[in-house]
Amino acid sequence: MELLAGTRISAGISTLRKALAPGGVLAVLGLYTVRTATDFLCALPARTLLKAERLLSRRRHVAGAVHVPLVWPPLTYAGTRAESARLLPGSTLRRLLFWRYLLVYRA
């Protein structure tokens, strides 16, 4: 939902829902902020993979590190679940690897 061009979640989802044809599917791949113990436990596999990748990349000769600005999304997974339930009744939300989620709504 944070990928909706910086719009507030409610405005972005409402606009997309209105544009959805009957029988259509709205899928949102987004990021959530890790703040709760459950979020942290679910993030452990991703953290492990990232650490392994960092160790492996040190052994390879990688040309210069890429620095990109990082801004964590404002909503936690629980906040995203609550907001999506309010805006898109009947939608499903799944945790994915690397702090991502998949929101699916069928009109």
PDB file of N, CA and C in Angstrom:
ATOM      1  N   MET A   1       0.819  -1.183   0.000  1.00  0.00           N
ATOM      2  CA  MET A   1       0.000   0.000   0.000  1.00  0.00           C
ATOM      3  C   MET A   1       0.863   1.246   0.000  1.00  0.00           C
ATOM      4  N   GLU A   2       2.061   1.118   0.513  1.00  0.00           N
ATOM      5  CA  GLU A   2       2.957   2.259   0.512  1.00  0.00           C
ATOM      6  C   GLU A   2       3.457   2.558  -0.895  1.00  0.00           C
ATOM      7  N   LEU A   3       3.276   1.612  -1.802  1.00  0.00           N
ATOM      8  CA  LEU A   3       3.709   1.810  -3.174  1.00  0.00           C
ATOM      9  C   LEU A   3       2.680   2.577  -3.992  1.00  0.00           C
ATOM     10  N   LEU A   4       1.672   3.055  -3.366  1.00  0.00           N
ATOM     11  CA  LEU A   4       0.620   3.770  -4.067  1.00  0.00           C
ATOM     12  C   LEU A   4       0.980   5.241  -4.223  1.00  0.00           C
ATOM     13  N   ALA A   5       2.185   5.503  -4.723  1.00  0.00           N
ATOM     14  CA  ALA A   5       2.654   6.853  -5.055  1.00  0.00           C
ATOM     15  C   ALA A   5       2.544   7.819  -3.883  1.00  0.00           C
ATOM     16  N   GLY A   6       2.805   7.340  -2.686  1.00  0.00           N
ATOM     17  CA  GLY A   6       2.833   8.213  -1.525  1.00  0.00           C
ATOM     18  C   GLY A   6       1.471   8.664  -1.028  1.00  0.00           C
ATOM     19  N   THR A   7       0.409   8.107  -1.557  1.00  0.00           N
ATOM     20  CA  THR A   7      -0.919   8.498  -1.093  1.00  0.00           C
ATOM     21  C   THR A   7      -1.202   7.850   0.251  1.00  0.00           C
ATOM     22  N   ARG A   8      -2.138   8.399   0.957  1.00  0.00           N
ATOM     23  CA  ARG A   8      -2.556   7.767   2.206  1.00  0.00           C
ATOM     24  C   ARG A   8      -3.258   6.466   1.844  1.00  0.00           C
ATOM     25  N   ILE A   9      -3.130   5.490   2.696  1.00  0.00           N
ATOM     26  CA  ILE A   9      -3.658   4.158   2.400  1.00  0.00           C
ATOM     27  C   ILE A   9      -5.144   4.197   2.059  1.00  0.00           C
ATOM     28  N   SER A  10      -5.920   4.943   2.834  1.00  0.00           N
ATOM     29  CA  SER A  10      -7.365   4.950   2.600  1.00  0.00           C
ATOM     30  C   SER A  10      -7.706   5.576   1.251  1.00  0.00           C
ATOM     31  N   ALA A  11      -7.040   6.658   0.886  1.00  0.00           N
ATOM     32  CA  ALA A  11      -7.323   7.315  -0.398  1.00  0.00           C
ATOM     33  C   ALA A  11      -6.885   6.428  -1.564  1.00  0.00           C
ATOM     34  N   GLY A  12      -5.700   5.834  -1.452  1.00  0.00           N
ATOM     35  CA  GLY A  12      -5.195   4.986  -2.537  1.00  0.00           C
ATOM     36  C   GLY A  12      -6.036   3.743  -2.760  1.00  0.00           C
ATOM     37  N   ILE A  13      -6.381   3.059  -1.680  1.00  0.00           N
ATOM     38  CA  ILE A  13      -7.180   1.838  -1.792  1.00  0.00           C
ATOM     39  C   ILE A  13      -8.591   2.168  -2.271  1.00  0.00           C
ATOM     40  N   SER A  14      -9.167   3.245  -1.787  1.00  0.00           N
ATOM     41  CA  SER A  14     -10.517   3.632  -2.221  1.00  0.00           C
ATOM     42  C   SER A  14     -10.540   3.913  -3.719  1.00  0.00           C
ATOM     43  N   THR A  15      -9.532   4.609  -4.208  1.00  0.00           N
ATOM     44  CA  THR A  15      -9.454   4.907  -5.645  1.00  0.00           C
ATOM     45  C   THR A  15      -9.323   3.628  -6.459  1.00  0.00           C
ATOM     46  N   LEU A  16      -8.443   2.723  -6.026  1.00  0.00           N
ATOM     47  CA  LEU A  16      -8.266   1.466  -6.752  1.00  0.00           C
ATOM     48  C   LEU A  16      -9.521   0.604  -6.697  1.00  0.00           C
ATOM     49  N   ARG A  17     -10.194   0.597  -5.566  1.00  0.00           N
ATOM     50  CA  ARG A  17     -11.414  -0.204  -5.436  1.00  0.00           C
ATOM     51  C   ARG A  17     -12.504   0.304  -6.376  1.00  0.00           C
ATOM     52  N   LYS A  18     -12.639   1.623  -6.498  1.00  0.00           N
ATOM     53  CA  LYS A  18     -13.640   2.200  -7.409  1.00  0.00           C
ATOM     54  C   LYS A  18     -13.335   1.857  -8.858  1.00  0.00           C
ATOM     55  N   ALA A  19     -12.057   1.759  -9.200  1.00  0.00           N
ATOM     56  CA  ALA A  19     -11.652   1.462 -10.573  1.00  0.00           C
ATOM     57  C   ALA A  19     -11.750  -0.028 -10.901  1.00  0.00           C
ATOM     58  N   LEU A  20     -11.985  -0.847  -9.908  1.00  0.00           N
ATOM     59  CA  LEU A  20     -12.030  -2.292 -10.100  1.00  0.00           C
ATOM     60  C   LEU A  20     -13.353  -2.726 -10.725  1.00  0.00           C
ATOM     61  N   ALA A  21     -13.261  -3.475 -11.809  1.00  0.00           N
ATOM     62  CA  ALA A  21     -14.458  -3.975 -12.483  1.00  0.00           C
ATOM     63  C   ALA A  21     -15.065  -5.123 -11.675  1.00  0.00           C
ATOM     64  N   PRO A  22     -16.377  -5.345 -11.803  1.00  0.00           N
ATOM     65  CA  PRO A  22     -16.992  -6.491 -11.122  1.00  0.00           C
ATOM     66  C   PRO A  22     -16.296  -7.790 -11.529  1.00  0.00           C
ATOM     67  N   GLY A  23     -15.957  -8.599 -10.546  1.00  0.00           N
ATOM     68  CA  GLY A  23     -15.241  -9.846 -10.813  1.00  0.00           C
ATOM     69  C   GLY A  23     -13.740  -9.658 -10.911  1.00  0.00           C
ATOM     70  N   GLY A  24     -13.274  -8.411 -10.805  1.00  0.00           N
ATOM     71  CA  GLY A  24     -11.848  -8.123 -10.899  1.00  0.00           C
ATOM     72  C   GLY A  24     -11.108  -8.438  -9.612  1.00  0.00           C
ATOM     73  N   VAL A  25      -9.797  -8.427  -9.705  1.00  0.00           N
ATOM     74  CA  VAL A  25      -8.945  -8.726  -8.555  1.00  0.00           C
ATOM     75  C   VAL A  25      -7.969  -7.569  -8.339  1.00  0.00           C
ATOM     76  N   LEU A  26      -7.888  -7.117  -7.112  1.00  0.00           N
ATOM     77  CA  LEU A  26      -6.927  -6.105  -6.725  1.00  0.00           C
ATOM     78  C   LEU A  26      -5.858  -6.786  -5.887  1.00  0.00           C
ATOM     79  N   ALA A  27      -4.616  -6.706  -6.318  1.00  0.00           N
ATOM     80  CA  ALA A  27      -3.507  -7.303  -5.577  1.00  0.00           C
ATOM     81  C   ALA A  27      -2.497  -6.206  -5.263  1.00  0.00           C
ATOM     82  N   VAL A  28      -2.088  -6.137  -3.999  1.00  0.00           N
ATOM     83  CA  VAL A  28      -1.128  -5.130  -3.555  1.00  0.00           C
ATOM     84  C   VAL A  28       0.034  -5.859  -2.887  1.00  0.00           C
ATOM     85  N   LEU A  29       1.231  -5.624  -3.379  1.00  0.00           N
ATOM     86  CA  LEU A  29       2.438  -6.138  -2.751  1.00  0.00           C
ATOM     87  C   LEU A  29       3.065  -4.972  -2.016  1.00  0.00           C
ATOM     88  N   GLY A  30       3.149  -5.077  -0.703  1.00  0.00           N
ATOM     89  CA  GLY A  30       3.641  -3.953   0.089  1.00  0.00           C
ATOM     90  C   GLY A  30       4.611  -4.373   1.164  1.00  0.00           C
ATOM     91  N   LEU A  31       5.076  -3.395   1.904  1.00  0.00           N
ATOM     92  CA  LEU A  31       6.005  -3.600   3.013  1.00  0.00           C
ATOM     93  C   LEU A  31       5.349  -3.193   4.319  1.00  0.00           C
ATOM     94  N   TYR A  32       5.728  -3.859   5.395  1.00  0.00           N
ATOM     95  CA  TYR A  32       5.233  -3.464   6.711  1.00  0.00           C
ATOM     96  C   TYR A  32       6.414  -3.219   7.637  1.00  0.00           C
ATOM     97  N   THR A  33       6.203  -2.437   8.663  1.00  0.00           N
ATOM     98  CA  THR A  33       7.228  -2.122   9.643  1.00  0.00           C
ATOM     99  C   THR A  33       7.265  -3.196  10.722  1.00  0.00           C
ATOM    100  N   VAL A  34       8.455  -3.604  11.109  1.00  0.00           N
ATOM    101  CA  VAL A  34       8.625  -4.606  12.160  1.00  0.00           C
ATOM    102  C   VAL A  34       8.657  -3.879  13.505  1.00  0.00           C
ATOM    103  N   ARG A  35       7.591  -4.060  14.290  1.00  0.00           N
ATOM    104  CA  ARG A  35       7.521  -3.416  15.609  1.00  0.00           C
ATOM    105  C   ARG A  35       7.109  -4.374  16.722  1.00  0.00           C
ATOM    106  N   THR A  36       6.350  -5.407  16.369  1.00  0.00           N
ATOM    107  CA  THR A  36       5.858  -6.319  17.403  1.00  0.00           C
ATOM    108  C   THR A  36       6.729  -7.570  17.477  1.00  0.00           C
ATOM    109  N   ALA A  37       6.555  -8.339  18.548  1.00  0.00           N
ATOM    110  CA  ALA A  37       7.312  -9.589  18.705  1.00  0.00           C
ATOM    111  C   ALA A  37       6.987 -10.566  17.577  1.00  0.00           C
ATOM    112  N   THR A  38       5.736 -10.626  17.175  1.00  0.00           N
ATOM    113  CA  THR A  38       5.336 -11.510  16.077  1.00  0.00           C
ATOM    114  C   THR A  38       5.998 -11.083  14.783  1.00  0.00           C
ATOM    115  N   ASP A  39       6.011  -9.783  14.518  1.00  0.00           N
ATOM    116  CA  ASP A  39       6.683  -9.280  13.315  1.00  0.00           C
ATOM    117  C   ASP A  39       8.155  -9.665  13.329  1.00  0.00           C
ATOM    118  N   PHE A  40       8.794  -9.511  14.493  1.00  0.00           N
ATOM    119  CA  PHE A  40      10.211  -9.830  14.608  1.00  0.00           C
ATOM    120  C   PHE A  40      10.464 -11.317  14.341  1.00  0.00           C
ATOM    121  N   LEU A  41       9.639 -12.188  14.922  1.00  0.00           N
ATOM    122  CA  LEU A  41       9.805 -13.634  14.705  1.00  0.00           C
ATOM    123  C   LEU A  41       9.605 -14.004  13.244  1.00  0.00           C
ATOM    124  N   CYS A  42       8.630 -13.379  12.603  1.00  0.00           N
ATOM    125  CA  CYS A  42       8.385 -13.661  11.184  1.00  0.00           C
ATOM    126  C   CYS A  42       9.505 -13.112  10.301  1.00  0.00           C
ATOM    127  N   ALA A  43      10.231 -12.111  10.794  1.00  0.00           N
ATOM    128  CA  ALA A  43      11.320 -11.505  10.022  1.00  0.00           C
ATOM    129  C   ALA A  43      12.642 -12.257  10.175  1.00  0.00           C
ATOM    130  N   LEU A  44      12.734 -13.199  11.118  1.00  0.00           N
ATOM    131  CA  LEU A  44      13.996 -13.910  11.342  1.00  0.00           C
ATOM    132  C   LEU A  44      14.537 -14.617  10.098  1.00  0.00           C
ATOM    133  N   PRO A  45      13.720 -15.335   9.328  1.00  0.00           N
ATOM    134  CA  PRO A  45      14.273 -15.964   8.120  1.00  0.00           C
ATOM    135  C   PRO A  45      14.869 -14.944   7.151  1.00  0.00           C
ATOM    136  N   ALA A  46      14.229 -13.811   6.995  1.00  0.00           N
ATOM    137  CA  ALA A  46      14.747 -12.782   6.093  1.00  0.00           C
ATOM    138  C   ALA A  46      16.062 -12.224   6.616  1.00  0.00           C
ATOM    139  N   ARG A  47      16.133 -11.983   7.912  1.00  0.00           N
ATOM    140  CA  ARG A  47      17.375 -11.467   8.496  1.00  0.00           C
ATOM    141  C   ARG A  47      18.520 -12.456   8.303  1.00  0.00           C
ATOM    142  N   THR A  48      18.226 -13.734   8.467  1.00  0.00           N
ATOM    143  CA  THR A  48      19.236 -14.771   8.285  1.00  0.00           C
ATOM    144  C   THR A  48      19.732 -14.791   6.846  1.00  0.00           C
ATOM    145  N   LEU A  49      18.810 -14.721   5.902  1.00  0.00           N
ATOM    146  CA  LEU A  49      19.198 -14.702   4.495  1.00  0.00           C
ATOM    147  C   LEU A  49      20.012 -13.462   4.141  1.00  0.00           C
ATOM    148  N   LEU A  50      19.643 -12.323   4.674  1.00  0.00           N
ATOM    149  CA  LEU A  50      20.390 -11.094   4.401  1.00  0.00           C
ATOM    150  C   LEU A  50      21.810 -11.165   4.965  1.00  0.00           C
ATOM    151  N   LYS A  51      21.945 -11.714   6.171  1.00  0.00           N
ATOM    152  CA  LYS A  51      23.287 -11.846   6.754  1.00  0.00           C
ATOM    153  C   LYS A  51      24.144 -12.801   5.924  1.00  0.00           C
ATOM    154  N   ALA A  52      23.552 -13.905   5.475  1.00  0.00           N
ATOM    155  CA  ALA A  52      24.285 -14.862   4.638  1.00  0.00           C
ATOM    156  C   ALA A  52      24.699 -14.201   3.320  1.00  0.00           C
ATOM    157  N   GLU A  53      23.826 -13.428   2.747  1.00  0.00           N
ATOM    158  CA  GLU A  53      24.146 -12.755   1.478  1.00  0.00           C
ATOM    159  C   GLU A  53      25.274 -11.752   1.678  1.00  0.00           C
ATOM    160  N   ARG A  54      25.261 -11.023   2.779  1.00  0.00           N
ATOM    161  CA  ARG A  54      26.333 -10.066   3.072  1.00  0.00           C
ATOM    162  C   ARG A  54      27.677 -10.776   3.221  1.00  0.00           C
ATOM    163  N   LEU A  55      27.674 -11.912   3.914  1.00  0.00           N
ATOM    164  CA  LEU A  55      28.917 -12.662   4.078  1.00  0.00           C
ATOM    165  C   LEU A  55      29.425 -13.171   2.737  1.00  0.00           C
ATOM    166  N   LEU A  56      28.529 -13.680   1.913  1.00  0.00           N
ATOM    167  CA  LEU A  56      28.932 -14.180   0.596  1.00  0.00           C
ATOM    168  C   LEU A  56      29.399 -13.057  -0.320  1.00  0.00           C
ATOM    169  N   SER A  57      28.771 -11.912  -0.243  1.00  0.00           N
ATOM    170  CA  SER A  57      29.157 -10.810  -1.128  1.00  0.00           C
ATOM    171  C   SER A  57      30.514 -10.236  -0.742  1.00  0.00           C
ATOM    172  N   ARG A  58      30.938 -10.392   0.513  1.00  0.00           N
ATOM    173  CA  ARG A  58      32.272  -9.945   0.920  1.00  0.00           C
ATOM    174  C   ARG A  58      33.353 -10.779   0.246  1.00  0.00           C
ATOM    175  N   ARG A  59      33.038 -12.025  -0.024  1.00  0.00           N
ATOM    176  CA  ARG A  59      34.013 -12.909  -0.668  1.00  0.00           C
ATOM    177  C   ARG A  59      34.132 -12.610  -2.161  1.00  0.00           C
ATOM    178  N   ARG A  60      33.062 -12.166  -2.756  1.00  0.00           N
ATOM    179  CA  ARG A  60      33.104 -11.790  -4.173  1.00  0.00           C
ATOM    180  C   ARG A  60      33.637 -10.372  -4.279  1.00  0.00           C
ATOM    181  N   HIS A  61      34.180 -10.050  -5.395  1.00  0.00           N
ATOM    182  CA  HIS A  61      34.650  -8.687  -5.627  1.00  0.00           C
ATOM    183  C   HIS A  61      33.509  -7.902  -6.254  1.00  0.00           C
ATOM    184  N   VAL A  62      32.772  -7.224  -5.406  1.00  0.00           N
ATOM    185  CA  VAL A  62      31.622  -6.458  -5.860  1.00  0.00           C
ATOM    186  C   VAL A  62      32.049  -5.002  -6.024  1.00  0.00           C
ATOM    187  N   ALA A  63      31.722  -4.439  -7.177  1.00  0.00           N
ATOM    188  CA  ALA A  63      32.085  -3.047  -7.445  1.00  0.00           C
ATOM    189  C   ALA A  63      31.187  -2.114  -6.655  1.00  0.00           C
ATOM    190  N   GLY A  64      31.753  -1.317  -5.780  1.00  0.00           N
ATOM    191  CA  GLY A  64      31.058  -0.277  -5.031  1.00  0.00           C
ATOM    192  C   GLY A  64      29.657  -0.609  -4.550  1.00  0.00           C
ATOM    193  N   ALA A  65      29.396  -0.309  -3.321  1.00  0.00           N
ATOM    194  CA  ALA A  65      28.062  -0.540  -2.767  1.00  0.00           C
ATOM    195  C   ALA A  65      27.079   0.487  -3.312  1.00  0.00           C
ATOM    196  N   VAL A  66      25.855   0.061  -3.465  1.00  0.00           N
ATOM    197  CA  VAL A  66      24.790   0.943  -3.918  1.00  0.00           C
ATOM    198  C   VAL A  66      24.076   1.482  -2.683  1.00  0.00           C
ATOM    199  N   HIS A  67      23.965   2.783  -2.586  1.00  0.00           N
ATOM    200  CA  HIS A  67      23.294   3.402  -1.449  1.00  0.00           C
ATOM    201  C   HIS A  67      21.970   3.993  -1.919  1.00  0.00           C
ATOM    202  N   VAL A  68      20.902   3.493  -1.347  1.00  0.00           N
ATOM    203  CA  VAL A  68      19.574   4.008  -1.685  1.00  0.00           C
ATOM    204  C   VAL A  68      18.912   4.509  -0.414  1.00  0.00           C
ATOM    205  N   PRO A  69      18.120   5.561  -0.532  1.00  0.00           N
ATOM    206  CA  PRO A  69      17.416   6.041   0.660  1.00  0.00           C
ATOM    207  C   PRO A  69      16.400   5.010   1.119  1.00  0.00           C
ATOM    208  N   LEU A  70      16.270   4.863   2.408  1.00  0.00           N
ATOM    209  CA  LEU A  70      15.356   3.879   2.965  1.00  0.00           C
ATOM    210  C   LEU A  70      14.386   4.561   3.913  1.00  0.00           C
ATOM    211  N   VAL A  71      13.112   4.382   3.657  1.00  0.00           N
ATOM    212  CA  VAL A  71      12.068   4.910   4.529  1.00  0.00           C
ATOM    213  C   VAL A  71      11.136   3.748   4.840  1.00  0.00           C
ATOM    214  N   TRP A  72      11.049   3.390   6.126  1.00  0.00           N
ATOM    215  CA  TRP A  72      10.174   2.287   6.499  1.00  0.00           C
ATOM    216  C   TRP A  72       8.717   2.710   6.376  1.00  0.00           C
ATOM    217  N   PRO A  73       7.859   1.786   5.959  1.00  0.00           N
ATOM    218  CA  PRO A  73       6.439   2.094   5.843  1.00  0.00           C
ATOM    219  C   PRO A  73       5.837   2.422   7.207  1.00  0.00           C
ATOM    220  N   PRO A  74       4.812   3.243   7.231  1.00  0.00           N
ATOM    221  CA  PRO A  74       4.248   3.673   8.509  1.00  0.00           C
ATOM    222  C   PRO A  74       3.428   2.612   9.234  1.00  0.00           C
ATOM    223  N   LEU A  75       2.874   1.645   8.523  1.00  0.00           N
ATOM    224  CA  LEU A  75       1.983   0.671   9.151  1.00  0.00           C
ATOM    225  C   LEU A  75       2.688  -0.634   9.485  1.00  0.00           C
ATOM    226  N   THR A  76       2.323  -1.208  10.607  1.00  0.00           N
ATOM    227  CA  THR A  76       2.764  -2.554  10.949  1.00  0.00           C
ATOM    228  C   THR A  76       1.868  -3.539  10.180  1.00  0.00           C
ATOM    229  N   TYR A  77       2.188  -4.820  10.296  1.00  0.00           N
ATOM    230  CA  TYR A  77       1.351  -5.830   9.652  1.00  0.00           C
ATOM    231  C   TYR A  77      -0.061  -5.800  10.238  1.00  0.00           C
ATOM    232  N   ALA A  78      -0.151  -5.677  11.559  1.00  0.00           N
ATOM    233  CA  ALA A  78      -1.473  -5.618  12.217  1.00  0.00           C
ATOM    234  C   ALA A  78      -2.248  -4.381  11.774  1.00  0.00           C
ATOM    235  N   GLY A  79      -1.559  -3.259  11.647  1.00  0.00           N
ATOM    236  CA  GLY A  79      -2.217  -2.040  11.180  1.00  0.00           C
ATOM    237  C   GLY A  79      -2.696  -2.166   9.751  1.00  0.00           C
ATOM    238  N   THR A  80      -1.881  -2.811   8.919  1.00  0.00           N
ATOM    239  CA  THR A  80      -2.270  -3.045   7.523  1.00  0.00           C
ATOM    240  C   THR A  80      -3.478  -3.965   7.458  1.00  0.00           C
ATOM    241  N   ARG A  81      -3.471  -5.012   8.316  1.00  0.00           N
ATOM    242  CA  ARG A  81      -4.611  -5.944   8.350  1.00  0.00           C
ATOM    243  C   ARG A  81      -5.891  -5.218   8.759  1.00  0.00           C
ATOM    244  N   ALA A  82      -5.821  -4.393   9.769  1.00  0.00           N
ATOM    245  CA  ALA A  82      -7.005  -3.657  10.239  1.00  0.00           C
ATOM    246  C   ALA A  82      -7.505  -2.689   9.176  1.00  0.00           C
ATOM    247  N   GLU A  83      -6.593  -1.966   8.552  1.00  0.00           N
ATOM    248  CA  GLU A  83      -6.985  -0.989   7.527  1.00  0.00           C
ATOM    249  C   GLU A  83      -7.553  -1.674   6.288  1.00  0.00           C
ATOM    250  N   SER A  84      -6.960  -2.783   5.885  1.00  0.00           N
ATOM    251  CA  SER A  84      -7.478  -3.495   4.711  1.00  0.00           C
ATOM    252  C   SER A  84      -8.838  -4.132   5.010  1.00  0.00           C
ATOM    253  N   ALA A  85      -9.049  -4.604   6.234  1.00  0.00           N
ATOM    254  CA  ALA A  85     -10.351  -5.169   6.601  1.00  0.00           C
ATOM    255  C   ALA A  85     -11.430  -4.088   6.586  1.00  0.00           C
ATOM    256  N   ARG A  86     -11.058  -2.885   6.997  1.00  0.00           N
ATOM    257  CA  ARG A  86     -12.011  -1.769   7.005  1.00  0.00           C
ATOM    258  C   ARG A  86     -12.332  -1.306   5.581  1.00  0.00           C
ATOM    259  N   LEU A  87     -11.316  -1.212   4.739  1.00  0.00           N
ATOM    260  CA  LEU A  87     -11.497  -0.670   3.387  1.00  0.00           C
ATOM    261  C   LEU A  87     -11.927  -1.719   2.371  1.00  0.00           C
ATOM    262  N   LEU A  88     -11.488  -2.958   2.569  1.00  0.00           N
ATOM    263  CA  LEU A  88     -11.761  -4.032   1.607  1.00  0.00           C
ATOM    264  C   LEU A  88     -12.277  -5.264   2.341  1.00  0.00           C
ATOM    265  N   PRO A  89     -13.548  -5.248   2.761  1.00  0.00           N
ATOM    266  CA  PRO A  89     -14.083  -6.411   3.479  1.00  0.00           C
ATOM    267  C   PRO A  89     -13.968  -7.687   2.640  1.00  0.00           C
ATOM    268  N   GLY A  90     -13.487  -8.736   3.263  1.00  0.00           N
ATOM    269  CA  GLY A  90     -13.332 -10.004   2.555  1.00  0.00           C
ATOM    270  C   GLY A  90     -11.966 -10.165   1.896  1.00  0.00           C
ATOM    271  N   SER A  91     -11.099  -9.176   2.034  1.00  0.00           N
ATOM    272  CA  SER A  91      -9.764  -9.281   1.445  1.00  0.00           C
ATOM    273  C   SER A  91      -8.908 -10.223   2.281  1.00  0.00           C
ATOM    274  N   THR A  92      -7.852 -10.759   1.671  1.00  0.00           N
ATOM    275  CA  THR A  92      -6.920 -11.618   2.388  1.00  0.00           C
ATOM    276  C   THR A  92      -5.554 -10.938   2.432  1.00  0.00           C
ATOM    277  N   LEU A  93      -4.829 -11.198   3.500  1.00  0.00           N
ATOM    278  CA  LEU A  93      -3.508 -10.618   3.682  1.00  0.00           C
ATOM    279  C   LEU A  93      -2.561 -11.723   4.108  1.00  0.00           C
ATOM    280  N   ARG A  94      -1.437 -11.860   3.394  1.00  0.00           N
ATOM    281  CA  ARG A  94      -0.439 -12.893   3.712  1.00  0.00           C
ATOM    282  C   ARG A  94       0.920 -12.263   3.922  1.00  0.00           C
ATOM    283  N   ARG A  95       1.632 -12.755   4.926  1.00  0.00           N
ATOM    284  CA  ARG A  95       3.022 -12.330   5.116  1.00  0.00           C
ATOM    285  C   ARG A  95       3.890 -13.025   4.081  1.00  0.00           C
ATOM    286  N   LEU A  96       4.846 -12.292   3.563  1.00  0.00           N
ATOM    287  CA  LEU A  96       5.824 -12.844   2.642  1.00  0.00           C
ATOM    288  C   LEU A  96       7.220 -12.588   3.204  1.00  0.00           C
ATOM    289  N   LEU A  97       8.219 -13.096   2.545  1.00  0.00           N
ATOM    290  CA  LEU A  97       9.589 -12.917   2.983  1.00  0.00           C
ATOM    291  C   LEU A  97      10.049 -11.471   2.779  1.00  0.00           C
ATOM    292  N   PHE A  98      11.021 -11.048   3.548  1.00  0.00           N
ATOM    293  CA  PHE A  98      11.608  -9.706   3.474  1.00  0.00           C
ATOM    294  C   PHE A  98      10.594  -8.611   3.757  1.00  0.00           C
ATOM    295  N   TRP A  99       9.833  -8.766   4.828  1.00  0.00           N
ATOM    296  CA  TRP A  99       8.926  -7.740   5.340  1.00  0.00           C
ATOM    297  C   TRP A  99       7.859  -7.328   4.340  1.00  0.00           C
ATOM    298  N   ARG A 100       7.487  -8.222   3.473  1.00  0.00           N
ATOM    299  CA  ARG A 100       6.464  -7.918   2.479  1.00  0.00           C
ATOM    300  C   ARG A 100       5.156  -8.614   2.849  1.00  0.00           C
ATOM    301  N   TYR A 101       4.083  -8.102   2.279  1.00  0.00           N
ATOM    302  CA  TYR A 101       2.792  -8.757   2.412  1.00  0.00           C
ATOM    303  C   TYR A 101       2.108  -8.727   1.052  1.00  0.00           C
ATOM    304  N   LEU A 102       1.140  -9.612   0.904  1.00  0.00           N
ATOM    305  CA  LEU A 102       0.329  -9.647  -0.303  1.00  0.00           C
ATOM    306  C   LEU A 102      -1.126  -9.496   0.124  1.00  0.00           C
ATOM    307  N   LEU A 103      -1.736  -8.444  -0.347  1.00  0.00           N
ATOM    308  CA  LEU A 103      -3.146  -8.167  -0.090  1.00  0.00           C
ATOM    309  C   LEU A 103      -3.902  -8.493  -1.365  1.00  0.00           C
ATOM    310  N   VAL A 104      -4.923  -9.336  -1.253  1.00  0.00           N
ATOM    311  CA  VAL A 104      -5.737  -9.706  -2.423  1.00  0.00           C
ATOM    312  C   VAL A 104      -7.207  -9.436  -2.089  1.00  0.00           C
ATOM    313  N   TYR A 105      -7.854  -8.729  -2.995  1.00  0.00           N
ATOM    314  CA  TYR A 105      -9.294  -8.422  -2.857  1.00  0.00           C
ATOM    315  C   TYR A 105      -9.976  -8.779  -4.167  1.00  0.00           C
ATOM    316  N   ARG A 106     -11.039  -9.570  -4.054  1.00  0.00           N
ATOM    317  CA  ARG A 106     -11.834  -9.942  -5.233  1.00  0.00           C
ATOM    318  C   ARG A 106     -13.167  -9.215  -5.169  1.00  0.00           C
ATOM    319  N   ALA A 107     -13.443  -8.456  -6.222  1.00  0.00           N
ATOM    320  CA  ALA A 107     -14.684  -7.670  -6.262  1.00  0.00           C
ATOM    321  C   ALA A 107     -15.893  -8.537  -6.524  1.00  0.00           C
TER     322      ALA A 107
END
